[in-house]
Amino acid sequence: MMASVAANSTLVLGYDEVSSLLDVPTVLEQQRHVFVDLADDRATISPNLWLRPPLKSRGWLKILAGYDPGSRALGSKIVARFPEGPPGSNLGAFIVLFDDDTGFPVAIVDGVYITALKTAAGAALATQVLAREDARSVGIVGSGVLAWWSLAFLAVGCPDLNLVSVFSRSPQRRDAFAARAREELGYDTHAVASVEEATRGADVIVTATNSPDRVLLREHVRPGQHINAIGIRSEISPDVIAAATVFPDGRAESLADGKFSEALAEGAVTVDDLGPTLGELLSGRKPGRSADSQITIFDSSGVAIQDLVCAQAAVDRAREAGAGTKVHFSPR
């Protein structure tokens, strides 16, 4: 059974508390183990469930669930994404953790911060195993929270990368992003005025955008590049997917609701075109890049166990520090 809590109490952790309890190096290594455990069938996940109601806002709900025996993280995550909302208020998420002996809800954890960290960690791990050995430059499409954390995790996981070009639709946001990356992460960073400028000389491309439209087109991509596709789903043109080898975070997730699924639906690729999972690459069970000229894509769709293990780590640290709020949802 998980560490005991006050009788029938549920620990609640908000965004600020979670952000103070997790750090980049720890999460990066934690996520490495998560992906390998998935590849070795040591963790259990359910198919992701989507609800796409007929809303003018094009908003949707996504539900993920899983169990990791190693950390004893058992739970579910619910995400609400409203892509047409303003930056900072278009995503809502929380994670519920249950005692793996009794089923009691032991914690409710803000999932927005964790979503960014686990996604960025996956991208950094994929870059380690898929980018060319001589990769030095990054082109980022997007300037929001996910773009920032992607760069922060690359700084730790791929320290040879040192040159960054960033594009977003807002000149003010991309300028501020570039200045922050220079000051806090030490990158030689430049804000640019188009996707083409961001990707033209990049060895690694990161698409971290909420855009429901195609953003990364075939003319933006050249041989040898590695692409971390971590946006909401539709930001990469199907002909880019067709020209590359796609490596998913989870095979079922990529086929059902990943960027690969968009190309699959349009007939640009077949199921057999999907490459090994990131966990299979990290465990050494399957090979990754086969040539310097190969275009590789990491299709980040979201695997439940990533979030749950992060949330469990935050809860464990919160208990040690006496952080969070205890709430009673059942009779004491």
C-alpha atoms as a PDB file:
ATOM      1  CA  MET A   1       0.000   0.000   0.000  1.00  0.00           C
ATOM      2  CA  MET A   2       1.138   3.575  -0.622  1.00  0.00           C
ATOM      3  CA  ALA A   3       2.569   5.655   2.196  1.00  0.00           C
ATOM      4  CA  SER A   4      -0.158   6.249   4.745  1.00  0.00           C
ATOM      5  CA  VAL A   5      -2.059   9.519   4.897  1.00  0.00           C
ATOM      6  CA  ALA A   6      -4.453  10.914   7.472  1.00  0.00           C
ATOM      7  CA  ALA A   7      -7.560   8.748   7.687  1.00  0.00           C
ATOM      8  CA  ASN A   8      -9.351   8.808   4.362  1.00  0.00           C
ATOM      9  CA  SER A   9      -7.705  12.080   3.309  1.00  0.00           C
ATOM     10  CA  THR A  10      -6.818  12.988  -0.253  1.00  0.00           C
ATOM     11  CA  LEU A  11      -3.770  15.166  -0.878  1.00  0.00           C
ATOM     12  CA  VAL A  12      -4.354  18.027  -3.322  1.00  0.00           C
ATOM     13  CA  LEU A  13      -1.414  19.660  -5.112  1.00  0.00           C
ATOM     14  CA  GLY A  14      -1.850  22.779  -7.235  1.00  0.00           C
ATOM     15  CA  TYR A  15       0.283  24.102 -10.071  1.00  0.00           C
ATOM     16  CA  ASP A  16       2.687  26.103  -7.905  1.00  0.00           C
ATOM     17  CA  GLU A  17       3.194  23.232  -5.491  1.00  0.00           C
ATOM     18  CA  VAL A  18       3.865  20.719  -8.275  1.00  0.00           C
ATOM     19  CA  SER A  19       6.328  23.067  -9.979  1.00  0.00           C
ATOM     20  CA  SER A  20       8.306  23.395  -6.744  1.00  0.00           C
ATOM     21  CA  LEU A  21       8.518  19.616  -6.267  1.00  0.00           C
ATOM     22  CA  LEU A  22       9.813  18.428  -9.659  1.00  0.00           C
ATOM     23  CA  ASP A  23      13.107  19.193 -11.423  1.00  0.00           C
ATOM     24  CA  VAL A  24      14.372  18.609 -14.956  1.00  0.00           C
ATOM     25  CA  PRO A  25      17.220  16.084 -14.365  1.00  0.00           C
ATOM     26  CA  THR A  26      15.076  13.883 -12.117  1.00  0.00           C
ATOM     27  CA  VAL A  27      12.087  13.898 -14.463  1.00  0.00           C
ATOM     28  CA  LEU A  28      14.301  13.166 -17.481  1.00  0.00           C
ATOM     29  CA  GLU A  29      15.757  10.006 -15.949  1.00  0.00           C
ATOM     30  CA  GLN A  30      12.403   9.007 -14.510  1.00  0.00           C
ATOM     31  CA  GLN A  31      10.818   9.213 -17.944  1.00  0.00           C
ATOM     32  CA  ARG A  32      13.631   7.148 -19.464  1.00  0.00           C
ATOM     33  CA  HIS A  33      12.705   4.324 -17.104  1.00  0.00           C
ATOM     34  CA  VAL A  34       8.994   4.774 -17.845  1.00  0.00           C
ATOM     35  CA  PHE A  35       9.467   4.288 -21.588  1.00  0.00           C
ATOM     36  CA  VAL A  36      11.678   1.243 -21.090  1.00  0.00           C
ATOM     37  CA  ASP A  37       9.141  -0.258 -18.669  1.00  0.00           C
ATOM     38  CA  LEU A  38       6.427   0.233 -21.281  1.00  0.00           C
ATOM     39  CA  ALA A  39       8.533  -1.484 -23.930  1.00  0.00           C
ATOM     40  CA  ASP A  40       9.187  -4.388 -21.561  1.00  0.00           C
ATOM     41  CA  ASP A  41       5.496  -4.678 -20.598  1.00  0.00           C
ATOM     42  CA  ARG A  42       6.192  -3.865 -16.962  1.00  0.00           C
ATOM     43  CA  ALA A  43       3.629  -1.019 -16.946  1.00  0.00           C
ATOM     44  CA  THR A  44      -0.047  -1.150 -17.864  1.00  0.00           C
ATOM     45  CA  ILE A  45      -1.984   1.480 -19.796  1.00  0.00           C
ATOM     46  CA  SER A  46      -5.473   1.668 -21.249  1.00  0.00           C
ATOM     47  CA  PRO A  47      -6.371   3.077 -24.667  1.00  0.00           C
ATOM     48  CA  ASN A  48      -6.779   6.838 -24.588  1.00  0.00           C
ATOM     49  CA  LEU A  49     -10.389   7.986 -24.648  1.00  0.00           C
ATOM     50  CA  TRP A  50     -11.469  11.140 -26.488  1.00  0.00           C
ATOM     51  CA  LEU A  51     -14.614  13.215 -26.273  1.00  0.00           C
ATOM     52  CA  ARG A  52     -15.015  15.697 -29.115  1.00  0.00           C
ATOM     53  CA  PRO A  53     -18.353  17.452 -28.547  1.00  0.00           C
ATOM     54  CA  PRO A  54     -19.756  19.757 -31.259  1.00  0.00           C
ATOM     55  CA  LEU A  55     -18.430  22.949 -29.673  1.00  0.00           C
ATOM     56  CA  LYS A  56     -17.803  26.173 -31.578  1.00  0.00           C
ATOM     57  CA  SER A  57     -14.511  26.410 -29.728  1.00  0.00           C
ATOM     58  CA  ARG A  58     -13.378  23.019 -31.088  1.00  0.00           C
ATOM     59  CA  GLY A  59     -12.522  22.002 -27.530  1.00  0.00           C
ATOM     60  CA  TRP A  60     -12.144  18.374 -26.475  1.00  0.00           C
ATOM     61  CA  LEU A  61     -11.563  16.088 -23.501  1.00  0.00           C
ATOM     62  CA  LYS A  62      -9.026  13.273 -23.301  1.00  0.00           C
ATOM     63  CA  ILE A  63      -8.874  10.600 -20.602  1.00  0.00           C
ATOM     64  CA  LEU A  64      -5.798   8.441 -19.921  1.00  0.00           C
ATOM     65  CA  ALA A  65      -5.253   5.718 -17.328  1.00  0.00           C
ATOM     66  CA  GLY A  66      -2.511   3.336 -16.260  1.00  0.00           C
ATOM     67  CA  TYR A  67      -0.474   1.600 -13.576  1.00  0.00           C
ATOM     68  CA  ASP A  68       3.265   1.458 -12.914  1.00  0.00           C
ATOM     69  CA  PRO A  69       4.234  -1.290 -10.424  1.00  0.00           C
ATOM     70  CA  GLY A  70       7.657   0.229  -9.813  1.00  0.00           C
ATOM     71  CA  SER A  71       6.377   3.509  -8.384  1.00  0.00           C
ATOM     72  CA  ARG A  72       2.955   2.040  -7.544  1.00  0.00           C
ATOM     73  CA  ALA A  73       1.370   4.911  -9.450  1.00  0.00           C
ATOM     74  CA  LEU A  74      -2.215   3.948 -10.277  1.00  0.00           C
ATOM     75  CA  GLY A  75      -4.533   6.522 -11.700  1.00  0.00           C
ATOM     76  CA  SER A  76      -6.064   8.579 -14.432  1.00  0.00           C
ATOM     77  CA  LYS A  77      -5.519  11.916 -16.118  1.00  0.00           C
ATOM     78  CA  ILE A  78      -8.170  14.121 -17.686  1.00  0.00           C
ATOM     79  CA  VAL A  79      -7.171  16.814 -20.170  1.00  0.00           C
ATOM     80  CA  ALA A  80      -9.343  19.574 -21.594  1.00  0.00           C
ATOM     81  CA  ARG A  81      -7.882  21.378 -24.593  1.00  0.00           C
ATOM     82  CA  PHE A  82      -9.495  24.426 -26.182  1.00  0.00           C
ATOM     83  CA  PRO A  83      -7.023  25.378 -28.918  1.00  0.00           C
ATOM     84  CA  GLU A  84      -8.713  28.632 -29.856  1.00  0.00           C
ATOM     85  CA  GLY A  85      -8.348  30.011 -26.343  1.00  0.00           C
ATOM     86  CA  PRO A  86      -5.598  32.494 -25.482  1.00  0.00           C
ATOM     87  CA  PRO A  87      -2.150  31.195 -24.475  1.00  0.00           C
ATOM     88  CA  GLY A  88      -2.084  30.100 -20.859  1.00  0.00           C
ATOM     89  CA  SER A  89      -5.814  29.392 -20.670  1.00  0.00           C
ATOM     90  CA  ASN A  90      -6.424  26.846 -23.423  1.00  0.00           C
ATOM     91  CA  LEU A  91      -5.434  23.741 -21.469  1.00  0.00           C
ATOM     92  CA  GLY A  92      -6.755  22.234 -18.269  1.00  0.00           C
ATOM     93  CA  ALA A  93      -5.638  18.959 -16.725  1.00  0.00           C
ATOM     94  CA  PHE A  94      -5.610  17.073 -13.466  1.00  0.00           C
ATOM     95  CA  ILE A  95      -4.409  13.663 -12.331  1.00  0.00           C
ATOM     96  CA  VAL A  96      -6.054  11.407  -9.771  1.00  0.00           C
ATOM     97  CA  LEU A  97      -3.914   8.778  -8.019  1.00  0.00           C
ATOM     98  CA  PHE A  98      -5.403   5.791  -6.214  1.00  0.00           C
ATOM     99  CA  ASP A  99      -4.025   3.487  -3.545  1.00  0.00           C
ATOM    100  CA  ASP A 100      -3.047   0.320  -5.403  1.00  0.00           C
ATOM    101  CA  ASP A 101      -4.239  -1.869  -2.514  1.00  0.00           C
ATOM    102  CA  THR A 102      -7.552  -0.244  -1.570  1.00  0.00           C
ATOM    103  CA  GLY A 103      -8.507   1.942  -4.528  1.00  0.00           C
ATOM    104  CA  PHE A 104      -8.855   5.000  -2.303  1.00  0.00           C
ATOM    105  CA  PRO A 105      -8.127   8.316  -4.108  1.00  0.00           C
ATOM    106  CA  VAL A 106      -4.930   9.346  -2.353  1.00  0.00           C
ATOM    107  CA  ALA A 107      -4.099  12.443  -4.410  1.00  0.00           C
ATOM    108  CA  ILE A 108      -5.428  14.957  -6.919  1.00  0.00           C
ATOM    109  CA  VAL A 109      -2.601  16.687  -8.736  1.00  0.00           C
ATOM    110  CA  ASP A 110      -2.565  19.577 -11.193  1.00  0.00           C
ATOM    111  CA  GLY A 111      -1.670  18.136 -14.576  1.00  0.00           C
ATOM    112  CA  VAL A 112      -0.774  21.207 -16.624  1.00  0.00           C
ATOM    113  CA  TYR A 113       2.795  21.499 -15.362  1.00  0.00           C
ATOM    114  CA  ILE A 114       3.303  17.744 -15.490  1.00  0.00           C
ATOM    115  CA  THR A 115       1.963  17.600 -19.057  1.00  0.00           C
ATOM    116  CA  ALA A 116       4.631  20.057 -20.158  1.00  0.00           C
ATOM    117  CA  LEU A 117       7.456  18.337 -18.271  1.00  0.00           C
ATOM    118  CA  LYS A 118       6.735  14.773 -19.345  1.00  0.00           C
ATOM    119  CA  THR A 119       6.197  15.812 -22.971  1.00  0.00           C
ATOM    120  CA  ALA A 120       9.423  17.794 -23.039  1.00  0.00           C
ATOM    121  CA  ALA A 121      11.295  14.919 -21.409  1.00  0.00           C
ATOM    122  CA  GLY A 122      10.075  12.527 -24.108  1.00  0.00           C
ATOM    123  CA  ALA A 123      11.283  14.906 -26.801  1.00  0.00           C
ATOM    124  CA  ALA A 124      14.735  15.186 -25.216  1.00  0.00           C
ATOM    125  CA  LEU A 125      15.043  11.422 -24.901  1.00  0.00           C
ATOM    126  CA  ALA A 126      13.963  10.972 -28.519  1.00  0.00           C
ATOM    127  CA  THR A 127      16.549  13.534 -29.611  1.00  0.00           C
ATOM    128  CA  GLN A 128      19.259  11.603 -27.788  1.00  0.00           C
ATOM    129  CA  VAL A 129      18.567   8.443 -29.789  1.00  0.00           C
ATOM    130  CA  LEU A 130      17.324   9.841 -33.111  1.00  0.00           C
ATOM    131  CA  ALA A 131      19.172  13.063 -33.933  1.00  0.00           C
ATOM    132  CA  ARG A 132      22.404  12.888 -35.918  1.00  0.00           C
ATOM    133  CA  GLU A 133      25.541  12.730 -33.801  1.00  0.00           C
ATOM    134  CA  ASP A 134      26.707  16.055 -35.241  1.00  0.00           C
ATOM    135  CA  ALA A 135      23.421  17.858 -34.456  1.00  0.00           C
ATOM    136  CA  ARG A 136      24.028  21.317 -33.008  1.00  0.00           C
ATOM    137  CA  SER A 137      21.027  23.504 -33.919  1.00  0.00           C
ATOM    138  CA  VAL A 138      17.341  23.583 -32.965  1.00  0.00           C
ATOM    139  CA  GLY A 139      14.379  25.171 -34.731  1.00  0.00           C
ATOM    140  CA  ILE A 140      11.328  25.669 -32.522  1.00  0.00           C
ATOM    141  CA  VAL A 141       7.824  26.417 -33.780  1.00  0.00           C
ATOM    142  CA  GLY A 142       5.926  27.831 -30.831  1.00  0.00           C
ATOM    143  CA  SER A 143       6.824  30.039 -27.876  1.00  0.00           C
ATOM    144  CA  GLY A 144       4.544  28.807 -25.108  1.00  0.00           C
ATOM    145  CA  VAL A 145       5.073  26.699 -22.006  1.00  0.00           C
ATOM    146  CA  LEU A 146       5.667  23.477 -23.923  1.00  0.00           C
ATOM    147  CA  ALA A 147       8.201  25.114 -26.223  1.00  0.00           C
ATOM    148  CA  TRP A 148      10.072  26.482 -23.233  1.00  0.00           C
ATOM    149  CA  TRP A 149      10.258  23.207 -21.356  1.00  0.00           C
ATOM    150  CA  SER A 150      11.290  21.368 -24.503  1.00  0.00           C
ATOM    151  CA  LEU A 151      14.285  23.654 -24.750  1.00  0.00           C
ATOM    152  CA  ALA A 152      15.024  23.332 -21.024  1.00  0.00           C
ATOM    153  CA  PHE A 153      15.056  19.528 -21.246  1.00  0.00           C
ATOM    154  CA  LEU A 154      17.195  19.593 -24.387  1.00  0.00           C
ATOM    155  CA  ALA A 155      19.691  21.757 -22.499  1.00  0.00           C
ATOM    156  CA  VAL A 156      20.104  18.972 -19.943  1.00  0.00           C
ATOM    157  CA  GLY A 157      19.631  15.916 -22.145  1.00  0.00           C
ATOM    158  CA  CYS A 158      21.396  17.104 -25.300  1.00  0.00           C
ATOM    159  CA  PRO A 159      24.038  19.648 -24.204  1.00  0.00           C
ATOM    160  CA  ASP A 160      25.776  19.699 -27.610  1.00  0.00           C
ATOM    161  CA  LEU A 161      22.837  21.648 -29.041  1.00  0.00           C
ATOM    162  CA  ASN A 162      23.693  25.334 -28.789  1.00  0.00           C
ATOM    163  CA  LEU A 163      22.018  27.318 -31.576  1.00  0.00           C
ATOM    164  CA  VAL A 164      18.271  28.000 -31.466  1.00  0.00           C
ATOM    165  CA  SER A 165      15.858  29.684 -33.866  1.00  0.00           C
ATOM    166  CA  VAL A 166      12.304  30.256 -32.641  1.00  0.00           C
ATOM    167  CA  PHE A 167       9.170  31.233 -34.523  1.00  0.00           C
ATOM    168  CA  SER A 168       5.688  31.970 -33.249  1.00  0.00           C
ATOM    169  CA  ARG A 169       2.913  34.101 -34.663  1.00  0.00           C
ATOM    170  CA  SER A 170       3.424  36.779 -32.017  1.00  0.00           C
ATOM    171  CA  PRO A 171       6.608  38.810 -32.549  1.00  0.00           C
ATOM    172  CA  GLN A 172       6.505  39.929 -28.925  1.00  0.00           C
ATOM    173  CA  ARG A 173       6.271  36.380 -27.592  1.00  0.00           C
ATOM    174  CA  ARG A 174       9.021  34.983 -29.809  1.00  0.00           C
ATOM    175  CA  ASP A 175      11.328  37.894 -28.951  1.00  0.00           C
ATOM    176  CA  ALA A 176      10.683  37.365 -25.236  1.00  0.00           C
ATOM    177  CA  PHE A 177      11.253  33.611 -25.615  1.00  0.00           C
ATOM    178  CA  ALA A 178      14.578  34.145 -27.381  1.00  0.00           C
ATOM    179  CA  ALA A 179      15.758  36.599 -24.745  1.00  0.00           C
ATOM    180  CA  ARG A 180      14.819  34.233 -21.924  1.00  0.00           C
ATOM    181  CA  ALA A 181      16.548  31.278 -23.605  1.00  0.00           C
ATOM    182  CA  ARG A 182      19.729  33.307 -23.954  1.00  0.00           C
ATOM    183  CA  GLU A 183      19.633  34.501 -20.355  1.00  0.00           C
ATOM    184  CA  GLU A 184      18.451  31.375 -18.503  1.00  0.00           C
ATOM    185  CA  LEU A 185      19.663  28.496 -20.672  1.00  0.00           C
ATOM    186  CA  GLY A 186      22.721  29.995 -22.348  1.00  0.00           C
ATOM    187  CA  TYR A 187      21.614  29.246 -25.903  1.00  0.00           C
ATOM    188  CA  ASP A 188      22.610  31.359 -28.879  1.00  0.00           C
ATOM    189  CA  THR A 189      18.948  32.089 -29.668  1.00  0.00           C
ATOM    190  CA  HIS A 190      17.331  34.090 -32.463  1.00  0.00           C
ATOM    191  CA  ALA A 191      13.692  34.983 -33.004  1.00  0.00           C
ATOM    192  CA  VAL A 192      12.721  34.614 -36.671  1.00  0.00           C
ATOM    193  CA  ALA A 193       9.742  35.671 -38.756  1.00  0.00           C
ATOM    194  CA  SER A 194       8.637  32.365 -40.352  1.00  0.00           C
ATOM    195  CA  VAL A 195       8.553  28.602 -39.979  1.00  0.00           C
ATOM    196  CA  GLU A 196      10.912  28.398 -42.946  1.00  0.00           C
ATOM    197  CA  GLU A 197      13.518  30.528 -41.180  1.00  0.00           C
ATOM    198  CA  ALA A 198      13.199  28.504 -37.969  1.00  0.00           C
ATOM    199  CA  THR A 199      13.654  25.140 -39.672  1.00  0.00           C
ATOM    200  CA  ARG A 200      15.949  25.883 -42.616  1.00  0.00           C
ATOM    201  CA  GLY A 201      19.262  25.303 -40.868  1.00  0.00           C
ATOM    202  CA  ALA A 202      18.036  23.263 -37.912  1.00  0.00           C
ATOM    203  CA  ASP A 203      19.309  19.789 -37.153  1.00  0.00           C
ATOM    204  CA  VAL A 204      16.450  19.274 -34.691  1.00  0.00           C
ATOM    205  CA  ILE A 205      12.945  20.687 -35.138  1.00  0.00           C
ATOM    206  CA  VAL A 206      10.396  21.003 -32.340  1.00  0.00           C
ATOM    207  CA  THR A 207       6.757  21.657 -33.210  1.00  0.00           C
ATOM    208  CA  ALA A 208       5.207  22.890 -29.968  1.00  0.00           C
ATOM    209  CA  THR A 209       2.121  24.620 -31.237  1.00  0.00           C
ATOM    210  CA  ASN A 210      -1.599  24.529 -30.498  1.00  0.00           C
ATOM    211  CA  SER A 211      -2.463  25.343 -34.099  1.00  0.00           C
ATOM    212  CA  PRO A 212      -5.240  23.156 -35.538  1.00  0.00           C
ATOM    213  CA  ASP A 213      -3.811  23.870 -39.009  1.00  0.00           C
ATOM    214  CA  ARG A 214      -0.799  22.391 -40.821  1.00  0.00           C
ATOM    215  CA  VAL A 215       2.282  24.307 -39.751  1.00  0.00           C
ATOM    216  CA  LEU A 216       5.278  22.190 -40.730  1.00  0.00           C
ATOM    217  CA  LEU A 217       5.129  21.561 -44.482  1.00  0.00           C
ATOM    218  CA  ARG A 218       7.259  19.402 -46.751  1.00  0.00           C
ATOM    219  CA  GLU A 219       9.200  22.389 -48.061  1.00  0.00           C
ATOM    220  CA  HIS A 220      10.305  23.188 -44.496  1.00  0.00           C
ATOM    221  CA  VAL A 221      12.065  19.854 -44.006  1.00  0.00           C
ATOM    222  CA  ARG A 222      15.379  18.624 -45.373  1.00  0.00           C
ATOM    223  CA  PRO A 223      17.221  15.273 -45.236  1.00  0.00           C
ATOM    224  CA  GLY A 224      18.862  14.389 -41.941  1.00  0.00           C
ATOM    225  CA  GLN A 225      16.635  16.412 -39.668  1.00  0.00           C
ATOM    226  CA  HIS A 226      15.006  15.042 -36.549  1.00  0.00           C
ATOM    227  CA  ILE A 227      11.537  16.355 -35.649  1.00  0.00           C
ATOM    228  CA  ASN A 228       9.940  16.279 -32.225  1.00  0.00           C
ATOM    229  CA  ALA A 229       6.217  16.490 -33.000  1.00  0.00           C
ATOM    230  CA  ILE A 230       4.735  17.502 -29.653  1.00  0.00           C
ATOM    231  CA  GLY A 231       1.865  19.781 -30.707  1.00  0.00           C
ATOM    232  CA  ILE A 232      -1.788  18.917 -30.367  1.00  0.00           C
ATOM    233  CA  ARG A 233      -2.103  16.599 -33.411  1.00  0.00           C
ATOM    234  CA  SER A 234      -2.471  18.267 -36.777  1.00  0.00           C
ATOM    235  CA  GLU A 235       0.526  20.574 -37.052  1.00  0.00           C
ATOM    236  CA  ILE A 236       2.556  18.384 -39.419  1.00  0.00           C
ATOM    237  CA  SER A 237       1.595  17.898 -43.052  1.00  0.00           C
ATOM    238  CA  PRO A 238       0.973  14.251 -44.030  1.00  0.00           C
ATOM    239  CA  ASP A 239       3.610  14.426 -46.756  1.00  0.00           C
ATOM    240  CA  VAL A 240       6.214  15.209 -44.087  1.00  0.00           C
ATOM    241  CA  ILE A 241       5.131  12.088 -42.205  1.00  0.00           C
ATOM    242  CA  ALA A 242       5.347  10.082 -45.434  1.00  0.00           C
ATOM    243  CA  ALA A 243       8.893  11.289 -46.111  1.00  0.00           C
ATOM    244  CA  ALA A 244      10.123  10.317 -42.642  1.00  0.00           C
ATOM    245  CA  THR A 245      10.414   7.368 -40.296  1.00  0.00           C
ATOM    246  CA  VAL A 246       8.066   7.913 -37.369  1.00  0.00           C
ATOM    247  CA  PHE A 247       8.914   6.656 -33.890  1.00  0.00           C
ATOM    248  CA  PRO A 248       5.983   6.929 -31.438  1.00  0.00           C
ATOM    249  CA  ASP A 249       5.812   7.244 -27.674  1.00  0.00           C
ATOM    250  CA  GLY A 250       3.187   4.488 -27.808  1.00  0.00           C
ATOM    251  CA  ARG A 251       2.150   2.506 -30.869  1.00  0.00           C
ATOM    252  CA  ALA A 252      -1.572   2.377 -30.119  1.00  0.00           C
ATOM    253  CA  GLU A 253      -1.568   6.071 -29.196  1.00  0.00           C
ATOM    254  CA  SER A 254       0.152   7.094 -32.419  1.00  0.00           C
ATOM    255  CA  LEU A 255      -2.205   5.027 -34.569  1.00  0.00           C
ATOM    256  CA  ALA A 256      -5.314   6.278 -32.785  1.00  0.00           C
ATOM    257  CA  ASP A 257      -4.658   9.957 -32.156  1.00  0.00           C
ATOM    258  CA  GLY A 258      -1.068  10.856 -32.975  1.00  0.00           C
ATOM    259  CA  LYS A 259       0.336  12.867 -35.841  1.00  0.00           C
ATOM    260  CA  PHE A 260       0.849   9.569 -37.641  1.00  0.00           C
ATOM    261  CA  SER A 261      -2.895   8.922 -37.465  1.00  0.00           C
ATOM    262  CA  GLU A 262      -3.548  12.111 -39.447  1.00  0.00           C
ATOM    263  CA  ALA A 263      -1.310  10.912 -42.280  1.00  0.00           C
ATOM    264  CA  LEU A 264      -2.805   7.435 -42.015  1.00  0.00           C
ATOM    265  CA  ALA A 265      -6.327   8.805 -42.407  1.00  0.00           C
ATOM    266  CA  GLU A 266      -5.293  10.674 -45.554  1.00  0.00           C
ATOM    267  CA  GLY A 267      -3.646   7.615 -47.102  1.00  0.00           C
ATOM    268  CA  ALA A 268      -0.139   9.069 -46.993  1.00  0.00           C
ATOM    269  CA  VAL A 269       1.187   6.132 -44.943  1.00  0.00           C
ATOM    270  CA  THR A 270       0.202   2.621 -43.890  1.00  0.00           C
ATOM    271  CA  VAL A 271       0.261   0.978 -40.461  1.00  0.00           C
ATOM    272  CA  ASP A 272       3.403  -0.904 -41.481  1.00  0.00           C
ATOM    273  CA  ASP A 273       5.236   2.399 -41.940  1.00  0.00           C
ATOM    274  CA  LEU A 274       5.187   3.159 -38.211  1.00  0.00           C
ATOM    275  CA  GLY A 275       8.575   2.597 -36.598  1.00  0.00           C
ATOM    276  CA  PRO A 276       9.558   1.203 -33.179  1.00  0.00           C
ATOM    277  CA  THR A 277       8.487   2.958 -29.987  1.00  0.00           C
ATOM    278  CA  LEU A 278      10.765   5.280 -28.053  1.00  0.00           C
ATOM    279  CA  GLY A 279      10.961   2.695 -25.278  1.00  0.00           C
ATOM    280  CA  GLU A 280      12.207   0.073 -27.713  1.00  0.00           C
ATOM    281  CA  LEU A 281      14.940   2.462 -28.840  1.00  0.00           C
ATOM    282  CA  LEU A 282      15.962   3.402 -25.297  1.00  0.00           C
ATOM    283  CA  SER A 283      16.081  -0.242 -24.219  1.00  0.00           C
ATOM    284  CA  GLY A 284      18.244  -1.153 -27.223  1.00  0.00           C
ATOM    285  CA  ARG A 285      15.704  -3.673 -28.483  1.00  0.00           C
ATOM    286  CA  LYS A 286      15.207  -1.864 -31.810  1.00  0.00           C
ATOM    287  CA  PRO A 287      17.435   0.412 -33.921  1.00  0.00           C
ATOM    288  CA  GLY A 288      16.678   4.068 -34.507  1.00  0.00           C
ATOM    289  CA  ARG A 289      18.244   6.289 -37.178  1.00  0.00           C
ATOM    290  CA  SER A 290      19.669   4.224 -40.010  1.00  0.00           C
ATOM    291  CA  ALA A 291      21.402   6.952 -42.054  1.00  0.00           C
ATOM    292  CA  ASP A 292      22.493  10.567 -41.719  1.00  0.00           C
ATOM    293  CA  SER A 293      20.131  11.507 -44.544  1.00  0.00           C
ATOM    294  CA  GLN A 294      17.093   9.927 -42.893  1.00  0.00           C
ATOM    295  CA  ILE A 295      14.309  12.204 -41.619  1.00  0.00           C
ATOM    296  CA  THR A 296      13.100  11.003 -38.222  1.00  0.00           C
ATOM    297  CA  ILE A 297       9.999  12.049 -36.289  1.00  0.00           C
ATOM    298  CA  PHE A 298       9.129  11.455 -32.655  1.00  0.00           C
ATOM    299  CA  ASP A 299       5.330  11.299 -32.501  1.00  0.00           C
ATOM    300  CA  SER A 300       4.360  12.406 -28.998  1.00  0.00           C
ATOM    301  CA  SER A 301       0.716  11.531 -28.425  1.00  0.00           C
ATOM    302  CA  GLY A 302       0.702  11.151 -24.655  1.00  0.00           C
ATOM    303  CA  VAL A 303       1.072   7.922 -22.695  1.00  0.00           C
ATOM    304  CA  ALA A 304      -0.756   7.823 -19.370  1.00  0.00           C
ATOM    305  CA  ILE A 305       2.016   6.298 -17.324  1.00  0.00           C
ATOM    306  CA  GLN A 306       4.303   9.271 -18.024  1.00  0.00           C
ATOM    307  CA  ASP A 307       1.943  11.610 -16.195  1.00  0.00           C
ATOM    308  CA  LEU A 308       1.127   9.205 -13.384  1.00  0.00           C
ATOM    309  CA  VAL A 309       4.752   8.531 -12.470  1.00  0.00           C
ATOM    310  CA  CYS A 310       5.486  12.273 -12.430  1.00  0.00           C
ATOM    311  CA  ALA A 311       2.455  12.889 -10.247  1.00  0.00           C
ATOM    312  CA  GLN A 312       3.473  10.099  -7.865  1.00  0.00           C
ATOM    313  CA  ALA A 313       6.941  11.609  -7.527  1.00  0.00           C
ATOM    314  CA  ALA A 314       5.405  14.993  -6.712  1.00  0.00           C
ATOM    315  CA  VAL A 315       3.125  13.402  -4.122  1.00  0.00           C
ATOM    316  CA  ASP A 316       5.997  11.508  -2.497  1.00  0.00           C
ATOM    317  CA  ARG A 317       8.045  14.695  -2.212  1.00  0.00           C
ATOM    318  CA  ALA A 318       5.037  16.657  -0.951  1.00  0.00           C
ATOM    319  CA  ARG A 319       4.519  14.171   1.863  1.00  0.00           C
ATOM    320  CA  GLU A 320       8.163  14.489   2.861  1.00  0.00           C
ATOM    321  CA  ALA A 321       7.920  18.287   2.837  1.00  0.00           C
ATOM    322  CA  GLY A 322       4.465  18.526   4.391  1.00  0.00           C
ATOM    323  CA  ALA A 323       3.200  20.345   1.301  1.00  0.00           C
ATOM    324  CA  GLY A 324      -0.274  20.339  -0.217  1.00  0.00           C
ATOM    325  CA  THR A 325      -3.793  20.357   1.178  1.00  0.00           C
ATOM    326  CA  LYS A 326      -5.587  17.365   2.643  1.00  0.00           C
ATOM    327  CA  VAL A 327      -9.253  17.011   1.743  1.00  0.00           C
ATOM    328  CA  HIS A 328     -11.776  14.489   3.032  1.00  0.00           C
ATOM    329  CA  PHE A 329     -14.072  13.048   0.345  1.00  0.00           C
ATOM    330  CA  SER A 330     -15.550  10.275   2.487  1.00  0.00           C
ATOM    331  CA  PRO A 331     -16.528   9.842   6.167  1.00  0.00           C
ATOM    332  CA  ARG A 332     -13.560   9.885   8.509  1.00  0.00           C
END
